[in-house]
């Protein structure tokens, strides 16, 4: 039996997966590296993720961050090793991979994680930071395109608050060992603070003095 399973597994190395679509789940969003697709729950196409206003920073901070987070998973540590067809193979140059690993290691050190042992959690932290940075960039580009009489910080405050609120739960500062083992995400407070403190415009927006917990002198950036 095991010999047959081994032969089947070896036969699939380097071969694209079946074309069966990913199964829907109760996740807000999910990236499937096997199909290189993103699943978004229809439940989030309503407040606080989506508002009817033509331009609303809350939508960018909630839905925009989710989209950015899932897009980021395509190149985050766990899924980066797969190509666009879902095959496990290296496609990056050594120079690009080395630079990427250094940036990921920065985030791992900041979170007190070990790249070899905590890859899944590091993967989620990378996606959180990247998703927030992409959402902020998209918002500022859209504000610049349509024009606005509001000060830039007004838009940014709404985006950061929406991001925090969309991630907030009743979890508190604890989590059961069973849940910690099955959920690669950090505790909610660490997840929110871990992302915003690495976005310089957060500290600028909320007037955080350099060296404060959410305005560290050494920040990590992935892209």
Protein backbone atom coordinates (compact mmCIF):
# COMPACT_ATOMS: atom_id res chain seq x y z
CA UNK A 1 0.00 0.00 0.00
CA UNK A 2 2.69 2.47 1.00
CA UNK A 3 4.71 1.59 -2.08
CA UNK A 4 1.72 2.36 -4.30
CA UNK A 5 1.14 5.70 -2.55
CA UNK A 6 4.80 6.58 -2.92
CA UNK A 7 4.74 5.82 -6.64
CA UNK A 8 1.61 7.97 -7.04
CA UNK A 9 3.16 10.88 -5.13
CA UNK A 10 6.39 10.70 -7.14
CA UNK A 11 4.44 10.58 -10.37
CA UNK A 12 2.80 13.92 -9.51
CA UNK A 13 6.05 15.80 -8.84
CA UNK A 14 6.27 18.68 -11.30
CA UNK A 15 2.83 17.90 -12.75
CA UNK A 16 0.01 20.50 -12.61
CA UNK A 17 -2.85 19.64 -10.28
CA UNK A 18 -6.33 18.69 -11.40
CA UNK A 19 -8.58 21.48 -12.67
CA UNK A 20 -11.18 20.96 -9.93
CA UNK A 21 -12.03 24.36 -8.40
CA UNK A 22 -11.14 25.08 -4.77
CA UNK A 23 -13.87 24.31 -2.27
CA UNK A 24 -15.69 27.29 -0.70
CA UNK A 25 -15.12 27.77 3.01
CA UNK A 26 -16.22 30.00 5.86
CA UNK A 27 -13.00 32.00 5.62
CA UNK A 28 -13.28 35.71 4.82
CA UNK A 29 -10.68 35.17 2.13
CA UNK A 30 -8.35 32.38 1.13
CA UNK A 31 -5.54 31.89 -1.38
CA UNK A 32 -5.15 28.47 -3.00
CA UNK A 33 -1.60 27.99 -4.26
CA UNK A 34 -2.62 24.78 -6.02
CA UNK A 35 -4.87 26.72 -8.40
CA UNK A 36 -3.32 30.20 -8.00
CA UNK A 37 -6.76 31.65 -7.22
CA UNK A 38 -8.35 33.68 -4.43
CA UNK A 39 -11.63 32.80 -2.74
CA UNK A 40 -13.60 35.68 -1.19
CA UNK A 41 -16.70 35.06 0.88
CA UNK A 42 -19.84 36.87 -0.34
CA UNK A 43 -20.46 37.68 3.31
CA UNK A 44 -17.86 40.45 3.20
CA UNK A 45 -19.52 42.39 0.37
CA UNK A 46 -21.31 44.56 2.90
CA UNK A 47 -20.33 46.95 5.74
CA UNK A 48 -17.77 47.20 7.25
CA UNK A 49 -15.97 45.69 4.27
CA UNK A 50 -17.89 47.50 1.54
CA UNK A 51 -19.77 50.81 1.66
CA UNK A 52 -21.90 52.31 -1.08
CA UNK A 53 -19.99 55.61 -1.16
CA UNK A 54 -18.07 56.31 -4.34
CA UNK A 55 -14.82 56.64 -2.39
CA UNK A 56 -14.63 55.29 1.12
CA UNK A 57 -11.44 54.69 3.02
CA UNK A 58 -13.16 52.13 5.25
CA UNK A 59 -13.64 49.87 2.24
CA UNK A 60 -9.95 50.10 1.37
CA UNK A 61 -8.96 49.33 4.97
CA UNK A 62 -11.27 46.32 5.24
CA UNK A 63 -11.93 44.73 1.85
CA UNK A 64 -8.77 46.23 0.31
CA UNK A 65 -6.58 44.75 3.00
CA UNK A 66 -8.22 41.33 2.65
CA UNK A 67 -7.63 41.38 -1.11
CA UNK A 68 -4.05 42.54 -0.64
CA UNK A 69 -3.48 39.89 2.02
CA UNK A 70 -4.67 37.07 -0.22
CA UNK A 71 -2.78 38.39 -3.26
CA UNK A 72 0.32 38.58 -1.08
CA UNK A 73 0.01 34.87 -0.27
CA UNK A 74 0.93 34.10 -3.88
CA UNK A 75 4.46 35.29 -3.06
CA UNK A 76 4.58 34.83 0.71
CA UNK A 77 7.00 32.26 2.19
CA UNK A 78 4.65 29.27 2.02
CA UNK A 79 3.27 29.68 -1.52
CA UNK A 80 6.26 31.37 -3.12
CA UNK A 81 7.79 28.00 -3.92
CA UNK A 82 4.90 27.12 -6.28
CA UNK A 83 4.65 28.38 -9.84
CA UNK A 84 1.52 29.81 -11.51
CA UNK A 85 0.32 26.30 -12.40
CA UNK A 86 0.59 24.98 -8.86
CA UNK A 87 3.82 23.06 -9.40
CA UNK A 88 6.40 22.94 -6.62
CA UNK A 89 9.51 24.31 -8.30
CA UNK A 90 11.95 27.21 -7.92
CA UNK A 91 11.43 30.10 -10.34
CA UNK A 92 13.41 32.90 -8.63
CA UNK A 93 17.04 33.83 -9.13
CA UNK A 94 19.43 33.31 -6.21
CA UNK A 95 19.86 37.06 -5.82
CA UNK A 96 16.12 37.74 -5.65
CA UNK A 97 15.55 34.84 -3.28
CA UNK A 98 18.37 35.98 -0.98
CA UNK A 99 17.02 39.54 -0.79
CA UNK A 100 13.52 38.23 -0.12
CA UNK A 101 14.68 35.88 2.63
CA UNK A 102 16.50 38.75 4.37
CA UNK A 103 13.32 40.83 4.45
CA UNK A 104 11.24 37.92 5.71
CA UNK A 105 13.88 37.23 8.38
CA UNK A 106 13.50 40.82 9.60
CA UNK A 107 9.80 40.27 10.20
CA UNK A 108 10.48 36.92 11.86
CA UNK A 109 12.98 38.49 14.30
CA UNK A 110 10.56 41.27 15.09
CA UNK A 111 7.86 38.72 15.93
CA UNK A 112 10.19 36.39 17.85
CA UNK A 113 9.64 33.58 15.34
CA UNK A 114 12.01 31.04 13.82
CA UNK A 115 11.91 30.72 9.99
CA UNK A 116 12.31 26.95 10.07
CA UNK A 117 9.82 26.21 12.85
CA UNK A 118 7.23 28.98 12.41
CA UNK A 119 6.94 29.26 8.62
CA UNK A 120 3.12 29.23 8.57
CA UNK A 121 2.87 32.06 11.11
CA UNK A 122 5.57 34.08 9.36
CA UNK A 123 3.67 33.54 6.12
CA UNK A 124 0.55 35.14 7.63
CA UNK A 125 2.54 38.06 9.09
CA UNK A 126 4.05 38.74 5.67
CA UNK A 127 0.59 38.71 4.09
CA UNK A 128 -0.84 41.02 6.79
CA UNK A 129 1.89 43.62 6.28
CA UNK A 130 1.78 43.39 2.50
CA UNK A 131 -2.02 43.56 2.40
CA UNK A 132 -2.10 46.70 4.54
CA UNK A 133 0.64 48.38 2.49
CA UNK A 134 -1.17 47.56 -0.77
CA UNK A 135 -4.49 48.85 0.58
CA UNK A 136 -2.92 52.13 1.69
CA UNK A 137 -1.17 52.60 -1.66
CA UNK A 138 -4.40 51.86 -3.55
CA UNK A 139 -6.33 54.36 -1.44
CA UNK A 140 -3.82 57.15 -1.92
CA UNK A 141 -3.68 56.55 -5.65
CA UNK A 142 -7.49 56.70 -5.85
CA UNK A 143 -7.69 59.86 -3.74
CA UNK A 144 -5.10 61.45 -6.01
CA UNK A 145 -7.04 60.39 -9.09
CA UNK A 146 -10.47 61.67 -8.05
CA UNK A 147 -9.28 64.60 -5.94
CA UNK A 148 -10.38 65.48 -2.42
CA UNK A 149 -10.60 68.52 -0.17
CA UNK A 150 -10.07 66.36 2.93
CA UNK A 151 -6.58 66.22 4.44
CA UNK A 152 -4.65 63.01 3.66
CA UNK A 153 -4.59 62.00 7.33
CA UNK A 154 -8.39 61.89 7.43
CA UNK A 155 -8.40 59.16 4.79
CA UNK A 156 -5.55 57.28 6.43
CA UNK A 157 -7.15 57.28 9.88
CA UNK A 158 -10.29 55.69 8.47
CA UNK A 159 -8.28 53.07 6.60
CA UNK A 160 -6.21 52.04 9.63
CA UNK A 161 -9.27 51.95 11.91
CA UNK A 162 -11.17 49.80 9.39
CA UNK A 163 -8.24 47.40 9.15
CA UNK A 164 -8.10 47.02 12.93
CA UNK A 165 -11.87 46.63 13.28
CA UNK A 166 -12.10 44.02 10.52
CA UNK A 167 -9.46 41.91 12.27
CA UNK A 168 -10.84 42.41 15.77
CA UNK A 169 -12.50 39.51 17.61
CA UNK A 170 -13.49 38.55 21.15
CA UNK A 171 -10.29 36.54 21.41
CA UNK A 172 -8.59 38.86 23.91
CA UNK A 173 -4.94 38.18 24.68
CA UNK A 174 -5.29 34.43 24.99
CA UNK A 175 -5.93 31.50 22.71
CA UNK A 176 -6.26 27.83 23.48
CA UNK A 177 -3.35 25.55 22.67
CA UNK A 178 -5.59 23.65 20.25
CA UNK A 179 -6.53 26.79 18.34
CA UNK A 180 -2.93 28.04 18.36
CA UNK A 181 -1.88 24.74 16.78
CA UNK A 182 -4.49 24.92 14.02
CA UNK A 183 -4.56 28.67 13.28
CA UNK A 184 -1.34 30.13 11.84
CA UNK A 185 -2.44 33.73 12.47
CA UNK A 186 -0.95 35.67 15.37
CA UNK A 187 -3.05 36.83 18.29
CA UNK A 188 -5.31 39.64 17.08
CA UNK A 189 -3.50 42.42 18.94
CA UNK A 190 -0.12 41.21 17.69
CA UNK A 191 -1.52 40.78 14.20
CA UNK A 192 -2.81 44.36 14.00
CA UNK A 193 0.14 46.02 15.73
CA UNK A 194 2.65 43.87 13.86
CA UNK A 195 1.40 45.24 10.55
CA UNK A 196 0.80 48.92 11.37
CA UNK A 197 4.13 49.46 13.11
CA UNK A 198 5.94 48.57 9.89
CA UNK A 199 3.98 51.10 7.82
CA UNK A 200 5.70 54.51 8.28
CA UNK A 201 2.56 56.46 7.42
CA UNK A 202 0.76 54.94 10.40
CA UNK A 203 3.18 56.62 12.81
CA UNK A 204 3.00 59.81 10.75
CA UNK A 205 -0.80 59.78 10.82
CA UNK A 206 -1.15 59.16 14.55
CA UNK A 207 1.87 61.29 15.55
CA UNK A 208 3.82 58.43 17.09
CA UNK A 209 7.26 59.47 18.34
CA UNK A 210 10.14 57.48 16.82
CA UNK A 211 11.09 54.65 19.13
CA UNK A 212 7.57 54.08 20.44
CA UNK A 213 6.14 50.52 20.14
CA UNK A 214 4.17 51.38 16.98
CA UNK A 215 6.96 53.51 15.53
CA UNK A 216 10.09 51.35 15.83
CA UNK A 217 13.37 52.75 14.57
CA UNK A 218 13.92 49.57 12.57
CA UNK A 219 10.99 48.65 10.36
CA UNK A 220 10.57 45.64 8.11
CA UNK A 221 9.40 45.87 4.50
CA UNK A 222 8.79 42.96 2.16
CA UNK A 223 8.12 44.72 -1.15
